[in-house]
PDB file of all heavy atoms in Angstrom:
ATOM      1  N   CYS A   1       7.931-100.322 -23.532  1.00  0.00           N
ATOM      2  CA  CYS A   1       7.639-100.715 -24.918  1.00  0.00           C
ATOM      3  C   CYS A   1       6.541-101.768 -25.013  1.00  0.00           C
ATOM      4  O   CYS A   1       6.129-102.132 -26.119  1.00  0.00           O
ATOM      5  CB  CYS A   1       8.907-101.213 -25.607  1.00  0.00           C
ATOM      6  SG  CYS A   1       9.560-102.779 -24.956  1.00  0.00           S
ATOM      7  N   TYR A   2       6.107-102.287 -23.856  1.00  0.00           N
ATOM      8  CA  TYR A   2       5.012-103.260 -23.750  1.00  0.00           C
ATOM      9  C   TYR A   2       5.344-104.628 -24.332  1.00  0.00           C
ATOM     10  O   TYR A   2       4.464-105.490 -24.440  1.00  0.00           O
ATOM     11  CB  TYR A   2       3.721-102.711 -24.400  1.00  0.00           C
ATOM     12  CG  TYR A   2       3.331-101.365 -23.852  1.00  0.00           C
ATOM     13  CD1 TYR A   2       3.481-100.218 -24.635  1.00  0.00           C
ATOM     14  CD2 TYR A   2       2.848-101.231 -22.563  1.00  0.00           C
ATOM     15  CE1 TYR A   2       3.142 -98.968 -24.133  1.00  0.00           C
ATOM     16  CE2 TYR A   2       2.515 -99.982 -22.049  1.00  0.00           C
ATOM     17  CZ  TYR A   2       2.658 -98.864 -22.835  1.00  0.00           C
ATOM     18  OH  TYR A   2       2.330 -97.637 -22.327  1.00  0.00           O
ATOM     19  N   LEU A   3       6.614-104.847 -24.713  1.00  0.00           N
ATOM     20  CA  LEU A   3       6.988-106.141 -25.269  1.00  0.00           C
ATOM     21  C   LEU A   3       7.331-107.118 -24.145  1.00  0.00           C
ATOM     22  O   LEU A   3       8.028-106.759 -23.191  1.00  0.00           O
ATOM     23  CB  LEU A   3       8.191-105.994 -26.197  1.00  0.00           C
ATOM     24  CG  LEU A   3       7.981-105.200 -27.487  1.00  0.00           C
ATOM     25  CD1 LEU A   3       9.301-105.036 -28.232  1.00  0.00           C
ATOM     26  CD2 LEU A   3       6.945-105.900 -28.368  1.00  0.00           C
ATOM     27  N   PRO A   4       6.882-108.358 -24.230  1.00  0.00           N
ATOM     28  CA  PRO A   4       7.267-109.368 -23.243  1.00  0.00           C
ATOM     29  C   PRO A   4       8.605-110.005 -23.601  1.00  0.00           C
ATOM     30  O   PRO A   4       9.078-109.902 -24.737  1.00  0.00           O
ATOM     31  CB  PRO A   4       6.135-110.393 -23.342  1.00  0.00           C
ATOM     32  CG  PRO A   4       5.714-110.313 -24.781  1.00  0.00           C
ATOM     33  CD  PRO A   4       5.892-108.878 -25.196  1.00  0.00           C
ATOM     34  N   GLY A   5       9.222-110.637 -22.602  1.00  0.00           N
ATOM     35  CA  GLY A   5      10.409-111.449 -22.856  1.00  0.00           C
ATOM     36  C   GLY A   5      11.730-110.756 -22.680  1.00  0.00           C
ATOM     37  O   GLY A   5      12.778-111.419 -22.706  1.00  0.00           O
ATOM     38  N   GLY A   6      11.728-109.442 -22.504  1.00  0.00           N
ATOM     39  CA  GLY A   6      12.998-108.733 -22.418  1.00  0.00           C
ATOM     40  C   GLY A   6      13.338-108.195 -21.045  1.00  0.00           C
ATOM     41  O   GLY A   6      14.362-107.536 -20.870  1.00  0.00           O
ATOM     42  N   MET A   7      12.514-108.491 -20.046  1.00  0.00           N
ATOM     43  CA  MET A   7      12.754-107.929 -18.717  1.00  0.00           C
ATOM     44  C   MET A   7      13.809-108.720 -17.930  1.00  0.00           C
ATOM     45  O   MET A   7      13.846-109.943 -17.990  1.00  0.00           O
ATOM     46  CB  MET A   7      11.453-107.890 -17.915  1.00  0.00           C
ATOM     47  CG  MET A   7      10.395-106.944 -18.464  1.00  0.00           C
ATOM     48  SD  MET A   7      10.953-105.222 -18.582  1.00  0.00           S
ATOM     49  CE  MET A   7      11.330-104.838 -16.874  1.00  0.00           C
ATOM     50  N   ARG A   8      14.639-107.992 -17.197  1.00  0.00           N
ATOM     51  CA  ARG A   8      15.617-108.582 -16.286  1.00  0.00           C
ATOM     52  C   ARG A   8      15.680-107.701 -15.046  1.00  0.00           C
ATOM     53  O   ARG A   8      15.300-106.520 -15.071  1.00  0.00           O
ATOM     54  CB  ARG A   8      17.000-108.671 -16.917  1.00  0.00           C
ATOM     55  CG  ARG A   8      17.570-107.341 -17.382  1.00  0.00           C
ATOM     56  CD  ARG A   8      19.064-107.411 -17.666  1.00  0.00           C
ATOM     57  NE  ARG A   8      19.846-107.333 -16.432  1.00  0.00           N
ATOM     58  CZ  ARG A   8      21.189-107.289 -16.397  1.00  0.00           C
ATOM     59  NH1 ARG A   8      21.880-107.342 -17.534  1.00  0.00           N
ATOM     60  NH2 ARG A   8      21.833-107.204 -15.252  1.00  0.00           N
ATOM     61  N   VAL A   9      16.163-108.251 -13.962  1.00  0.00           N
ATOM     62  CA  VAL A   9      16.334-107.470 -12.751  1.00  0.00           C
ATOM     63  C   VAL A   9      17.413-106.411 -13.000  1.00  0.00           C
ATOM     64  O   VAL A   9      18.385-106.636 -13.727  1.00  0.00           O
ATOM     65  CB  VAL A   9      16.699-108.400 -11.570  1.00  0.00           C
ATOM     66  CG1 VAL A   9      18.073-109.032 -11.768  1.00  0.00           C
ATOM     67  CG2 VAL A   9      16.619-107.656 -10.235  1.00  0.00           C
ATOM     68  N   HIS A  10      17.235-105.232 -12.403  1.00  0.00           N
ATOM     69  CA  HIS A  10      18.151-104.108 -12.641  1.00  0.00           C
ATOM     70  C   HIS A  10      19.312-104.171 -11.644  1.00  0.00           C
ATOM     71  O   HIS A  10      19.481-103.315 -10.782  1.00  0.00           O
ATOM     72  CB  HIS A  10      17.385-102.786 -12.503  1.00  0.00           C
ATOM     73  CG  HIS A  10      18.202-101.574 -12.854  1.00  0.00           C
ATOM     74  ND1 HIS A  10      18.852-101.422 -14.061  1.00  0.00           N
ATOM     75  CD2 HIS A  10      18.465-100.438 -12.139  1.00  0.00           C
ATOM     76  CE1 HIS A  10      19.473-100.255 -14.088  1.00  0.00           C
ATOM     77  NE2 HIS A  10      19.259 -99.651 -12.926  1.00  0.00           N
ATOM     78  N   VAL A  11      20.093-105.228 -11.746  1.00  0.00           N
ATOM     79  CA  VAL A  11      21.287-105.375 -10.913  1.00  0.00           C
ATOM     80  C   VAL A  11      22.489-105.605 -11.821  1.00  0.00           C
ATOM     81  O   VAL A  11      22.348-106.029 -12.969  1.00  0.00           O
ATOM     82  CB  VAL A  11      21.151-106.537  -9.897  1.00  0.00           C
ATOM     83  CG1 VAL A  11      19.958-106.317  -8.976  1.00  0.00           C
ATOM     84  CG2 VAL A  11      21.088-107.874 -10.585  1.00  0.00           C
ATOM     85  N   VAL A  12      23.654-105.318 -11.266  1.00  0.00           N
ATOM     86  CA  VAL A  12      24.901-105.510 -12.003  1.00  0.00           C
ATOM     87  C   VAL A  12      25.379-106.941 -11.774  1.00  0.00           C
ATOM     88  O   VAL A  12      25.652-107.343 -10.641  1.00  0.00           O
ATOM     89  CB  VAL A  12      25.970-104.505 -11.528  1.00  0.00           C
ATOM     90  CG1 VAL A  12      27.309-104.779 -12.212  1.00  0.00           C
ATOM     91  CG2 VAL A  12      25.507-103.078 -11.812  1.00  0.00           C
ATOM     92  N   TRP A  13      25.481-107.691 -12.850  1.00  0.00           N
ATOM     93  CA  TRP A  13      25.971-109.062 -12.759  1.00  0.00           C
ATOM     94  C   TRP A  13      27.486-109.080 -12.943  1.00  0.00           C
ATOM     95  O   TRP A  13      28.084-108.117 -13.419  1.00  0.00           O
ATOM     96  CB  TRP A  13      25.298-109.929 -13.824  1.00  0.00           C
ATOM     97  CG  TRP A  13      23.867-110.252 -13.509  1.00  0.00           C
ATOM     98  CD1 TRP A  13      23.320-110.419 -12.279  1.00  0.00           C
ATOM     99  CD2 TRP A  13      22.806-110.440 -14.453  1.00  0.00           C
ATOM    100  NE1 TRP A  13      21.978-110.714 -12.381  1.00  0.00           N
ATOM    101  CE2 TRP A  13      21.631-110.742 -13.707  1.00  0.00           C
ATOM    102  CE3 TRP A  13      22.706-110.410 -15.843  1.00  0.00           C
ATOM    103  CZ2 TRP A  13      20.400-110.991 -14.304  1.00  0.00           C
ATOM    104  CZ3 TRP A  13      21.484-110.662 -16.448  1.00  0.00           C
ATOM    105  CH2 TRP A  13      20.343-110.957 -15.679  1.00  0.00           C
ATOM    106  N   PHE A  14      28.100-110.209 -12.566  1.00  0.00           N
ATOM    107  CA  PHE A  14      29.534-110.365 -12.758  1.00  0.00           C
ATOM    108  C   PHE A  14      29.856-110.233 -14.251  1.00  0.00           C
ATOM    109  O   PHE A  14      29.188-110.819 -15.099  1.00  0.00           O
ATOM    110  CB  PHE A  14      30.000-111.716 -12.223  1.00  0.00           C
ATOM    111  CG  PHE A  14      29.958-111.790 -10.716  1.00  0.00           C
ATOM    112  CD1 PHE A  14      28.823-112.226 -10.052  1.00  0.00           C
ATOM    113  CD2 PHE A  14      31.058-111.392  -9.962  1.00  0.00           C
ATOM    114  CE1 PHE A  14      28.772-112.286  -8.661  1.00  0.00           C
ATOM    115  CE2 PHE A  14      31.018-111.441  -8.576  1.00  0.00           C
ATOM    116  CZ  PHE A  14      29.877-111.882  -7.925  1.00  0.00           C
ATOM    117  N   GLY A  15      30.857-109.424 -14.529  1.00  0.00           N
ATOM    118  CA  GLY A  15      31.223-109.154 -15.914  1.00  0.00           C
ATOM    119  C   GLY A  15      30.608-107.889 -16.464  1.00  0.00           C
ATOM    120  O   GLY A  15      30.932-107.482 -17.591  1.00  0.00           O
ATOM    121  N   GLU A  16      29.732-107.232 -15.680  1.00  0.00           N
ATOM    122  CA  GLU A  16      29.107-105.982 -16.113  1.00  0.00           C
ATOM    123  C   GLU A  16      29.701-104.809 -15.331  1.00  0.00           C
ATOM    124  O   GLU A  16      30.218-104.973 -14.227  1.00  0.00           O
ATOM    125  CB  GLU A  16      27.593-106.041 -15.906  1.00  0.00           C
ATOM    126  CG  GLU A  16      26.913-107.105 -16.755  1.00  0.00           C
ATOM    127  CD  GLU A  16      25.412-107.151 -16.572  1.00  0.00           C
ATOM    128  OE1 GLU A  16      24.930-106.864 -15.452  1.00  0.00           O
ATOM    129  OE2 GLU A  16      24.716-107.486 -17.544  1.00  0.00           O
ATOM    130  N   MET A  17      29.600-103.614 -15.895  1.00  0.00           N
ATOM    131  CA  MET A  17      30.163-102.420 -15.272  1.00  0.00           C
ATOM    132  C   MET A  17      29.222-101.857 -14.212  1.00  0.00           C
ATOM    133  O   MET A  17      28.038-101.658 -14.485  1.00  0.00           O
ATOM    134  CB  MET A  17      30.414-101.352 -16.350  1.00  0.00           C
ATOM    135  CG  MET A  17      30.995-100.063 -15.813  1.00  0.00           C
ATOM    136  SD  MET A  17      32.650-100.267 -15.076  1.00  0.00           S
ATOM    137  CE  MET A  17      33.613-100.648 -16.539  1.00  0.00           C
ATOM    138  N   PRO A  18      29.714-101.611 -13.001  1.00  0.00           N
ATOM    139  CA  PRO A  18      28.877-100.976 -11.981  1.00  0.00           C
ATOM    140  C   PRO A  18      28.378 -99.605 -12.448  1.00  0.00           C
ATOM    141  O   PRO A  18      28.966 -98.961 -13.320  1.00  0.00           O
ATOM    142  CB  PRO A  18      29.815-100.848 -10.781  1.00  0.00           C
ATOM    143  CG  PRO A  18      30.823-101.924 -10.974  1.00  0.00           C
ATOM    144  CD  PRO A  18      31.036-101.989 -12.464  1.00  0.00           C
ATOM    145  N   PHE A  19      27.319 -99.152 -11.816  1.00  0.00           N
ATOM    146  CA  PHE A  19      26.707 -97.872 -12.160  1.00  0.00           C
ATOM    147  C   PHE A  19      27.411 -96.719 -11.441  1.00  0.00           C
ATOM    148  O   PHE A  19      27.933 -96.880 -10.331  1.00  0.00           O
ATOM    149  CB  PHE A  19      25.224 -97.865 -11.771  1.00  0.00           C
ATOM    150  CG  PHE A  19      24.403 -98.922 -12.457  1.00  0.00           C
ATOM    151  CD1 PHE A  19      23.585 -99.758 -11.720  1.00  0.00           C
ATOM    152  CD2 PHE A  19      24.449 -99.086 -13.831  1.00  0.00           C
ATOM    153  CE1 PHE A  19      22.808-100.732 -12.340  1.00  0.00           C
ATOM    154  CE2 PHE A  19      23.691-100.056 -14.461  1.00  0.00           C
ATOM    155  CZ  PHE A  19      22.865-100.883 -13.710  1.00  0.00           C
ATOM    156  N   GLY A  20      27.378 -95.548 -12.071  1.00  0.00           N
ATOM    157  CA  GLY A  20      27.775 -94.302 -11.418  1.00  0.00           C
ATOM    158  C   GLY A  20      29.248 -94.138 -11.128  1.00  0.00           C
ATOM    159  O   GLY A  20      29.625 -93.335 -10.260  1.00  0.00           O
ATOM    160  N   MET A  21      30.113 -94.849 -11.828  1.00  0.00           N
ATOM    161  CA  MET A  21      31.535 -94.819 -11.472  1.00  0.00           C
ATOM    162  C   MET A  21      32.154 -93.429 -11.643  1.00  0.00           C
ATOM    163  O   MET A  21      32.986 -93.010 -10.825  1.00  0.00           O
ATOM    164  CB  MET A  21      32.308 -95.850 -12.299  1.00  0.00           C
ATOM    165  CG  MET A  21      31.899 -97.297 -12.016  1.00  0.00           C
ATOM    166  SD  MET A  21      32.005 -97.703 -10.249  1.00  0.00           S
ATOM    167  CE  MET A  21      33.748 -97.480  -9.960  1.00  0.00           C
ATOM    168  N   GLU A  22      31.761 -92.694 -12.650  1.00  0.00           N
ATOM    169  CA  GLU A  22      32.326 -91.356 -12.861  1.00  0.00           C
ATOM    170  C   GLU A  22      31.986 -90.439 -11.685  1.00  0.00           C
ATOM    171  O   GLU A  22      32.847 -89.718 -11.160  1.00  0.00           O
ATOM    172  CB  GLU A  22      31.792 -90.769 -14.170  1.00  0.00           C
ATOM    173  CG  GLU A  22      32.425 -89.431 -14.540  1.00  0.00           C
ATOM    174  CD  GLU A  22      31.985 -88.922 -15.906  1.00  0.00           C
ATOM    175  OE1 GLU A  22      31.486 -89.737 -16.718  1.00  0.00           O
ATOM    176  OE2 GLU A  22      32.146 -87.718 -16.156  1.00  0.00           O
ATOM    177  N   ARG A  23      30.741 -90.514 -11.228  1.00  0.00           N
ATOM    178  CA  ARG A  23      30.324 -89.700 -10.088  1.00  0.00           C
ATOM    179  C   ARG A  23      31.049 -90.126  -8.810  1.00  0.00           C
ATOM    180  O   ARG A  23      31.469 -89.284  -8.007  1.00  0.00           O
ATOM    181  CB  ARG A  23      28.808 -89.812  -9.900  1.00  0.00           C
ATOM    182  CG  ARG A  23      28.267 -88.980  -8.759  1.00  0.00           C
ATOM    183  CD  ARG A  23      26.774 -89.210  -8.581  1.00  0.00           C
ATOM    184  NE  ARG A  23      26.273 -88.519  -7.399  1.00  0.00           N
ATOM    185  CZ  ARG A  23      25.079 -88.739  -6.863  1.00  0.00           C
ATOM    186  NH1 ARG A  23      24.262 -89.636  -7.413  1.00  0.00           N
ATOM    187  NH2 ARG A  23      24.699 -88.072  -5.784  1.00  0.00           N
ATOM    188  N   ILE A  24      31.219 -91.427  -8.626  1.00  0.00           N
ATOM    189  CA  ILE A  24      31.899 -91.935  -7.432  1.00  0.00           C
ATOM    190  C   ILE A  24      33.350 -91.473  -7.385  1.00  0.00           C
ATOM    191  O   ILE A  24      33.827 -90.958  -6.368  1.00  0.00           O
ATOM    192  CB  ILE A  24      31.830 -93.475  -7.385  1.00  0.00           C
ATOM    193  CG1 ILE A  24      30.380 -93.941  -7.193  1.00  0.00           C
ATOM    194  CG2 ILE A  24      32.714 -94.011  -6.253  1.00  0.00           C
ATOM    195  CD1 ILE A  24      30.178 -95.435  -7.424  1.00  0.00           C
ATOM    196  N   TYR A  25      34.073 -91.637  -8.488  1.00  0.00           N
ATOM    197  CA  TYR A  25      35.485 -91.261  -8.499  1.00  0.00           C
ATOM    198  C   TYR A  25      35.665 -89.753  -8.325  1.00  0.00           C
ATOM    199  O   TYR A  25      36.623 -89.302  -7.679  1.00  0.00           O
ATOM    200  CB  TYR A  25      36.157 -91.744  -9.782  1.00  0.00           C
ATOM    201  CG  TYR A  25      36.446 -93.227  -9.785  1.00  0.00           C
ATOM    202  CD1 TYR A  25      36.070 -94.037 -10.857  1.00  0.00           C
ATOM    203  CD2 TYR A  25      37.105 -93.831  -8.721  1.00  0.00           C
ATOM    204  CE1 TYR A  25      36.331 -95.396 -10.858  1.00  0.00           C
ATOM    205  CE2 TYR A  25      37.381 -95.189  -8.715  1.00  0.00           C
ATOM    206  CZ  TYR A  25      36.984 -95.963  -9.785  1.00  0.00           C
ATOM    207  OH  TYR A  25      37.247 -97.319  -9.777  1.00  0.00           O
ATOM    208  N   ALA A  26      34.737 -88.959  -8.867  1.00  0.00           N
ATOM    209  CA  ALA A  26      34.816 -87.510  -8.674  1.00  0.00           C
ATOM    210  C   ALA A  26      34.640 -87.153  -7.200  1.00  0.00           C
ATOM    211  O   ALA A  26      35.334 -86.276  -6.665  1.00  0.00           O
ATOM    212  CB  ALA A  26      33.750 -86.811  -9.519  1.00  0.00           C
ATOM    213  N   ALA A  27      33.704 -87.824  -6.532  1.00  0.00           N
ATOM    214  CA  ALA A  27      33.485 -87.567  -5.102  1.00  0.00           C
ATOM    215  C   ALA A  27      34.677 -88.013  -4.269  1.00  0.00           C
ATOM    216  O   ALA A  27      35.085 -87.328  -3.319  1.00  0.00           O
ATOM    217  CB  ALA A  27      32.210 -88.275  -4.648  1.00  0.00           C
ATOM    218  N   LEU A  28      35.279 -89.162  -4.609  1.00  0.00           N
ATOM    219  CA  LEU A  28      36.454 -89.649  -3.881  1.00  0.00           C
ATOM    220  C   LEU A  28      37.639 -88.696  -4.043  1.00  0.00           C
ATOM    221  O   LEU A  28      38.441 -88.528  -3.122  1.00  0.00           O
ATOM    222  CB  LEU A  28      36.839 -91.039  -4.373  1.00  0.00           C
ATOM    223  CG  LEU A  28      35.884 -92.180  -4.011  1.00  0.00           C
ATOM    224  CD1 LEU A  28      36.234 -93.436  -4.798  1.00  0.00           C
ATOM    225  CD2 LEU A  28      35.924 -92.479  -2.503  1.00  0.00           C
ATOM    226  N   ALA A  29      37.731 -88.061  -5.194  1.00  0.00           N
ATOM    227  CA  ALA A  29      38.864 -87.178  -5.475  1.00  0.00           C
ATOM    228  C   ALA A  29      38.823 -85.901  -4.643  1.00  0.00           C
ATOM    229  O   ALA A  29      39.865 -85.256  -4.459  1.00  0.00           O
ATOM    230  CB  ALA A  29      38.892 -86.823  -6.960  1.00  0.00           C
ATOM    231  N   ARG A  30      37.637 -85.540  -4.136  1.00  0.00           N
ATOM    232  CA  ARG A  30      37.551 -84.283  -3.380  1.00  0.00           C
ATOM    233  C   ARG A  30      37.121 -84.465  -1.920  1.00  0.00           C
ATOM    234  O   ARG A  30      37.014 -83.495  -1.185  1.00  0.00           O
ATOM    235  CB  ARG A  30      36.589 -83.316  -4.073  1.00  0.00           C
ATOM    236  CG  ARG A  30      35.150 -83.776  -4.151  1.00  0.00           C
ATOM    237  CD  ARG A  30      34.263 -82.714  -4.815  1.00  0.00           C
ATOM    238  NE  ARG A  30      32.886 -83.167  -4.908  1.00  0.00           N
ATOM    239  CZ  ARG A  30      32.372 -83.815  -5.947  1.00  0.00           C
ATOM    240  NH1 ARG A  30      33.143 -84.096  -6.984  1.00  0.00           N
ATOM    241  NH2 ARG A  30      31.112 -84.190  -5.959  1.00  0.00           N
ATOM    242  N   CYS A  31      36.903 -85.702  -1.487  1.00  0.00           N
ATOM    243  CA  CYS A  31      36.371 -85.892  -0.134  1.00  0.00           C
ATOM    244  C   CYS A  31      37.445 -85.691   0.930  1.00  0.00           C
ATOM    245  O   CYS A  31      38.639 -85.844   0.679  1.00  0.00           O
ATOM    246  CB  CYS A  31      35.734 -87.273   0.007  1.00  0.00           C
ATOM    247  SG  CYS A  31      36.898 -88.656   0.067  1.00  0.00           S
ATOM    248  N   SER A  32      36.988 -85.376   2.136  1.00  0.00           N
ATOM    249  CA  SER A  32      37.892 -85.263   3.280  1.00  0.00           C
ATOM    250  C   SER A  32      37.755 -86.450   4.222  1.00  0.00           C
ATOM    251  O   SER A  32      38.586 -86.644   5.107  1.00  0.00           O
ATOM    252  CB  SER A  32      37.605 -83.973   4.061  1.00  0.00           C
ATOM    253  OG  SER A  32      36.266 -83.974   4.546  1.00  0.00           O
ATOM    254  N   LEU A  33      36.690 -87.243   4.042  1.00  0.00           N
ATOM    255  CA  LEU A  33      36.472 -88.418   4.883  1.00  0.00           C
ATOM    256  C   LEU A  33      35.869 -89.530   4.030  1.00  0.00           C
ATOM    257  O   LEU A  33      34.881 -89.310   3.314  1.00  0.00           O
ATOM    258  CB  LEU A  33      35.510 -88.086   6.032  1.00  0.00           C
ATOM    259  CG  LEU A  33      35.089 -89.247   6.940  1.00  0.00           C
ATOM    260  CD1 LEU A  33      36.288 -89.838   7.674  1.00  0.00           C
ATOM    261  CD2 LEU A  33      34.022 -88.781   7.942  1.00  0.00           C
ATOM    262  N   PHE A  34      36.470 -90.707   4.122  1.00  0.00           N
ATOM    263  CA  PHE A  34      35.932 -91.886   3.440  1.00  0.00           C
ATOM    264  C   PHE A  34      35.646 -92.948   4.484  1.00  0.00           C
ATOM    265  O   PHE A  34      36.544 -93.372   5.224  1.00  0.00           O
ATOM    266  CB  PHE A  34      36.921 -92.426   2.401  1.00  0.00           C
ATOM    267  CG  PHE A  34      36.489 -93.738   1.793  1.00  0.00           C
ATOM    268  CD1 PHE A  34      35.394 -93.802   0.941  1.00  0.00           C
ATOM    269  CD2 PHE A  34      37.170 -94.918   2.089  1.00  0.00           C
ATOM    270  CE1 PHE A  34      34.979 -95.017   0.392  1.00  0.00           C
ATOM    271  CE2 PHE A  34      36.772 -96.132   1.548  1.00  0.00           C
ATOM    272  CZ  PHE A  34      35.672 -96.175   0.696  1.00  0.00           C
ATOM    273  N   LEU A  35      34.390 -93.377   4.550  1.00  0.00           N
ATOM    274  CA  LEU A  35      33.960 -94.429   5.471  1.00  0.00           C
ATOM    275  C   LEU A  35      33.602 -95.674   4.686  1.00  0.00           C
ATOM    276  O   LEU A  35      32.841 -95.611   3.717  1.00  0.00           O
ATOM    277  CB  LEU A  35      32.710 -93.992   6.250  1.00  0.00           C
ATOM    278  CG  LEU A  35      32.788 -92.788   7.168  1.00  0.00           C
ATOM    279  CD1 LEU A  35      31.419 -92.529   7.790  1.00  0.00           C
ATOM    280  CD2 LEU A  35      33.821 -93.008   8.257  1.00  0.00           C
ATOM    281  N   SER A  36      34.133 -96.810   5.094  1.00  0.00           N
ATOM    282  CA  SER A  36      33.772 -98.100   4.512  1.00  0.00           C
ATOM    283  C   SER A  36      33.088 -98.922   5.590  1.00  0.00           C
ATOM    284  O   SER A  36      33.660 -99.162   6.655  1.00  0.00           O
ATOM    285  CB  SER A  36      35.019 -98.818   4.002  1.00  0.00           C
ATOM    286  OG  SER A  36      34.699-100.099   3.486  1.00  0.00           O
ATOM    287  N   ILE A  37      31.859 -99.343   5.320  1.00  0.00           N
ATOM    288  CA  ILE A  37      31.033 -99.983   6.342  1.00  0.00           C
ATOM    289  C   ILE A  37      30.514-101.331   5.846  1.00  0.00           C
ATOM    290  O   ILE A  37      29.843-101.405   4.812  1.00  0.00           O
ATOM    291  CB  ILE A  37      29.828 -99.087   6.713  1.00  0.00           C
ATOM    292  CG1 ILE A  37      30.308 -97.720   7.206  1.00  0.00           C
ATOM    293  CG2 ILE A  37      28.956 -99.766   7.753  1.00  0.00           C
ATOM    294  CD1 ILE A  37      29.184 -96.703   7.396  1.00  0.00           C
ATOM    295  N   GLY A  38      30.837-102.398   6.568  1.00  0.00           N
ATOM    296  CA  GLY A  38      30.253-103.695   6.288  1.00  0.00           C
ATOM    297  C   GLY A  38      30.644-104.302   4.958  1.00  0.00           C
ATOM    298  O   GLY A  38      29.826-104.950   4.308  1.00  0.00           O
ATOM    299  N   THR A  39      31.896-104.117   4.563  1.00  0.00           N
ATOM    300  CA  THR A  39      32.342-104.660   3.278  1.00  0.00           C
ATOM    301  C   THR A  39      33.471-105.665   3.476  1.00  0.00           C
ATOM    302  O   THR A  39      34.259-105.565   4.419  1.00  0.00           O
ATOM    303  CB  THR A  39      32.830-103.546   2.333  1.00  0.00           C
ATOM    304  OG1 THR A  39      34.019-102.962   2.870  1.00  0.00           O
ATOM    305  CG2 THR A  39      31.775-102.470   2.162  1.00  0.00           C
ATOM    306  N   SER A  40      33.556-106.613   2.549  1.00  0.00           N
ATOM    307  CA  SER A  40      34.579-107.655   2.633  1.00  0.00           C
ATOM    308  C   SER A  40      35.938-107.177   2.152  1.00  0.00           C
ATOM    309  O   SER A  40      36.970-107.745   2.501  1.00  0.00           O
ATOM    310  CB  SER A  40      34.155-108.874   1.804  1.00  0.00           C
ATOM    311  OG  SER A  40      34.044-108.514   0.429  1.00  0.00           O
ATOM    312  N   GLY A  41      35.935-106.146   1.301  1.00  0.00           N
ATOM    313  CA  GLY A  41      37.191-105.622   0.782  1.00  0.00           C
ATOM    314  C   GLY A  41      37.825-106.468  -0.302  1.00  0.00           C
ATOM    315  O   GLY A  41      39.003-106.286  -0.611  1.00  0.00           O
TER     316      GLY A  41
END
């Protein structure tokens, strides 16, 4: 839109909804293997 002042980094901040949750849950519902790598849990 060429307007200044409205730009922010495209990251999810605390209190905001993560991206792609519907796609993620659909994949989890049909997967045969789930790997968790390098996460605090």
